[in-house]
Amino acid sequence: MIIRTRRRRIGFLFVFHGLAWSFAAYFMHSAQTGDRGLVAKAEAKARTEAIAVKIAEARAERQAWERRVSQLSGPEIDRDLLDERQRAMLNTVHPNDVVILLDR
């Protein structure tokens, strides 16, 4: 009878520790690769940085357009820029301009 209790105690310890280690391994794996794990955190950080770069590019482009619009409107108009836009929109050239046609 003493042997059975000793075997039972050892068996219980093996099963208990096996379950405990398997639960710990499961939670560690989940923390690494789960929906909110370390891999997902790195991917979210990379997406955030990419979006921040796109936002910076959009802001720079917007500032450039605002600068051009401010030169074409208001009390002081930039005549060179106005002349450039007029020629581009009307598809005309000045008589003093030299035009070089390139074959595509």
C-alpha atoms as a PDB file:
ATOM      1  CA  MET A   1       0.000   0.000   0.000  1.00  0.00           C
ATOM      2  CA  ILE A   2       2.870   2.362   0.657  1.00  0.00           C
ATOM      3  CA  ILE A   3       4.133   1.777  -2.876  1.00  0.00           C
ATOM      4  CA  ARG A   4       0.810   2.827  -4.353  1.00  0.00           C
ATOM      5  CA  THR A   5       0.742   6.112  -2.485  1.00  0.00           C
ATOM      6  CA  ARG A   6       4.338   6.799  -3.408  1.00  0.00           C
ATOM      7  CA  ARG A   7       3.618   6.037  -7.088  1.00  0.00           C
ATOM      8  CA  ARG A   8       0.454   8.089  -6.916  1.00  0.00           C
ATOM      9  CA  ARG A   9       2.353  11.025  -5.412  1.00  0.00           C
ATOM     10  CA  ILE A  10       5.088  10.830  -8.061  1.00  0.00           C
ATOM     11  CA  GLY A  11       2.504  10.411 -10.825  1.00  0.00           C
ATOM     12  CA  PHE A  12       0.540  13.386  -9.528  1.00  0.00           C
ATOM     13  CA  LEU A  13       3.719  15.511  -9.473  1.00  0.00           C
ATOM     14  CA  PHE A  14       4.580  14.519 -13.061  1.00  0.00           C
ATOM     15  CA  VAL A  15       1.076  15.278 -14.294  1.00  0.00           C
ATOM     16  CA  PHE A  16       0.864  18.540 -12.338  1.00  0.00           C
ATOM     17  CA  HIS A  17       4.239  19.797 -13.547  1.00  0.00           C
ATOM     18  CA  GLY A  18       3.522  18.639 -17.096  1.00  0.00           C
ATOM     19  CA  LEU A  19       0.245  20.572 -17.155  1.00  0.00           C
ATOM     20  CA  ALA A  20       1.841  23.622 -15.545  1.00  0.00           C
ATOM     21  CA  TRP A  21       4.683  23.684 -18.092  1.00  0.00           C
ATOM     22  CA  SER A  22       2.286  23.146 -20.988  1.00  0.00           C
ATOM     23  CA  PHE A  23       0.070  26.035 -19.829  1.00  0.00           C
ATOM     24  CA  ALA A  24       3.139  28.238 -19.392  1.00  0.00           C
ATOM     25  CA  ALA A  25       4.371  27.294 -22.880  1.00  0.00           C
ATOM     26  CA  TYR A  26       0.932  28.020 -24.363  1.00  0.00           C
ATOM     27  CA  PHE A  27       0.739  31.469 -22.759  1.00  0.00           C
ATOM     28  CA  MET A  28       4.324  32.296 -23.755  1.00  0.00           C
ATOM     29  CA  HIS A  29       3.579  31.299 -27.347  1.00  0.00           C
ATOM     30  CA  SER A  30       0.390  33.351 -27.299  1.00  0.00           C
ATOM     31  CA  ALA A  31       2.243  36.368 -25.889  1.00  0.00           C
ATOM     32  CA  GLN A  32       4.782  36.068 -28.693  1.00  0.00           C
ATOM     33  CA  THR A  33       2.571  35.442 -31.734  1.00  0.00           C
ATOM     34  CA  GLY A  34      -1.007  36.184 -30.688  1.00  0.00           C
ATOM     35  CA  ASP A  35      -3.296  38.997 -31.825  1.00  0.00           C
ATOM     36  CA  ARG A  36      -1.822  41.298 -29.192  1.00  0.00           C
ATOM     37  CA  GLY A  37       1.609  39.671 -28.980  1.00  0.00           C
ATOM     38  CA  LEU A  38       5.076  40.987 -29.644  1.00  0.00           C
ATOM     39  CA  VAL A  39       4.975  40.199 -33.376  1.00  0.00           C
ATOM     40  CA  ALA A  40       1.684  42.070 -33.775  1.00  0.00           C
ATOM     41  CA  LYS A  41       3.141  44.991 -31.831  1.00  0.00           C
ATOM     42  CA  ALA A  42       6.141  45.186 -34.186  1.00  0.00           C
ATOM     43  CA  GLU A  43       3.858  45.031 -37.241  1.00  0.00           C
ATOM     44  CA  ALA A  44       1.646  47.788 -35.833  1.00  0.00           C
ATOM     45  CA  LYS A  45       4.706  49.926 -35.144  1.00  0.00           C
ATOM     46  CA  ALA A  46       5.931  49.453 -38.721  1.00  0.00           C
ATOM     47  CA  ARG A  47       2.494  50.393 -40.103  1.00  0.00           C
ATOM     48  CA  THR A  48       2.419  53.463 -37.854  1.00  0.00           C
ATOM     49  CA  GLU A  49       5.833  54.592 -39.094  1.00  0.00           C
ATOM     50  CA  ALA A  50       4.792  54.091 -42.730  1.00  0.00           C
ATOM     51  CA  ILE A  51       1.640  56.142 -42.179  1.00  0.00           C
ATOM     52  CA  ALA A  52       3.660  58.861 -40.430  1.00  0.00           C
ATOM     53  CA  VAL A  53       5.926  59.078 -43.490  1.00  0.00           C
ATOM     54  CA  LYS A  54       2.888  59.379 -45.779  1.00  0.00           C
ATOM     55  CA  ILE A  55       1.449  62.116 -43.556  1.00  0.00           C
ATOM     56  CA  ALA A  56       4.732  64.037 -43.641  1.00  0.00           C
ATOM     57  CA  GLU A  57       4.819  63.789 -47.447  1.00  0.00           C
ATOM     58  CA  ALA A  58       1.202  64.973 -47.693  1.00  0.00           C
ATOM     59  CA  ARG A  59       1.913  67.926 -45.393  1.00  0.00           C
ATOM     60  CA  ALA A  60       4.941  68.937 -47.458  1.00  0.00           C
ATOM     61  CA  GLU A  61       2.920  68.718 -50.662  1.00  0.00           C
ATOM     62  CA  ARG A  62       0.119  70.749 -49.105  1.00  0.00           C
ATOM     63  CA  GLN A  63       2.544  73.457 -47.984  1.00  0.00           C
ATOM     64  CA  ALA A  64       4.002  73.615 -51.505  1.00  0.00           C
ATOM     65  CA  TRP A  65       0.531  74.009 -53.002  1.00  0.00           C
ATOM     66  CA  GLU A  66      -0.436  76.622 -50.410  1.00  0.00           C
ATOM     67  CA  ARG A  67       2.724  78.560 -51.252  1.00  0.00           C
ATOM     68  CA  ARG A  68       1.916  78.462 -54.997  1.00  0.00           C
ATOM     69  CA  VAL A  69      -1.703  79.469 -54.422  1.00  0.00           C
ATOM     70  CA  SER A  70      -0.651  82.346 -52.187  1.00  0.00           C
ATOM     71  CA  GLN A  71       1.640  83.579 -54.983  1.00  0.00           C
ATOM     72  CA  LEU A  72      -1.261  83.530 -57.467  1.00  0.00           C
ATOM     73  CA  SER A  73      -3.790  85.241 -55.217  1.00  0.00           C
ATOM     74  CA  GLY A  74      -3.865  88.271 -53.020  1.00  0.00           C
ATOM     75  CA  PRO A  75      -2.700  91.833 -53.620  1.00  0.00           C
ATOM     76  CA  GLU A  76       0.784  90.834 -54.866  1.00  0.00           C
ATOM     77  CA  ILE A  77       0.655  88.336 -57.755  1.00  0.00           C
ATOM     78  CA  ASP A  78       3.809  86.622 -58.971  1.00  0.00           C
ATOM     79  CA  ARG A  79       3.774  87.490 -62.676  1.00  0.00           C
ATOM     80  CA  ASP A  80       6.188  84.738 -63.728  1.00  0.00           C
ATOM     81  CA  LEU A  81       4.086  82.044 -62.113  1.00  0.00           C
ATOM     82  CA  LEU A  82       0.905  83.526 -63.577  1.00  0.00           C
ATOM     83  CA  ASP A  83       2.490  83.592 -67.042  1.00  0.00           C
ATOM     84  CA  GLU A  84       3.647  79.976 -66.636  1.00  0.00           C
ATOM     85  CA  ARG A  85       0.156  78.796 -65.643  1.00  0.00           C
ATOM     86  CA  GLN A  86      -1.442  80.752 -68.476  1.00  0.00           C
ATOM     87  CA  ARG A  87       0.856  79.169 -71.069  1.00  0.00           C
ATOM     88  CA  ALA A  88       0.315  75.687 -69.662  1.00  0.00           C
ATOM     89  CA  MET A  89      -3.464  76.026 -69.623  1.00  0.00           C
ATOM     90  CA  LEU A  90      -3.826  77.726 -73.020  1.00  0.00           C
ATOM     91  CA  ASN A  91      -1.050  75.705 -74.673  1.00  0.00           C
ATOM     92  CA  THR A  92       0.603  78.834 -76.093  1.00  0.00           C
ATOM     93  CA  VAL A  93       4.149  80.154 -76.320  1.00  0.00           C
ATOM     94  CA  HIS A  94       5.661  83.607 -76.262  1.00  0.00           C
ATOM     95  CA  PRO A  95       7.073  84.879 -79.589  1.00  0.00           C
ATOM     96  CA  ASN A  96      10.561  85.120 -78.039  1.00  0.00           C
ATOM     97  CA  ASP A  97      10.547  81.561 -76.687  1.00  0.00           C
ATOM     98  CA  VAL A  98      12.537  78.796 -78.352  1.00  0.00           C
ATOM     99  CA  VAL A  99      10.508  75.593 -78.706  1.00  0.00           C
ATOM    100  CA  ILE A 100      12.244  72.236 -79.158  1.00  0.00           C
ATOM    101  CA  LEU A 101       9.939  69.368 -80.125  1.00  0.00           C
ATOM    102  CA  LEU A 102      11.007  65.928 -79.048  1.00  0.00           C
ATOM    103  CA  ASP A 103       9.838  62.689 -80.635  1.00  0.00           C
ATOM    104  CA  ARG A 104       8.369  60.299 -78.140  1.00  0.00           C
END
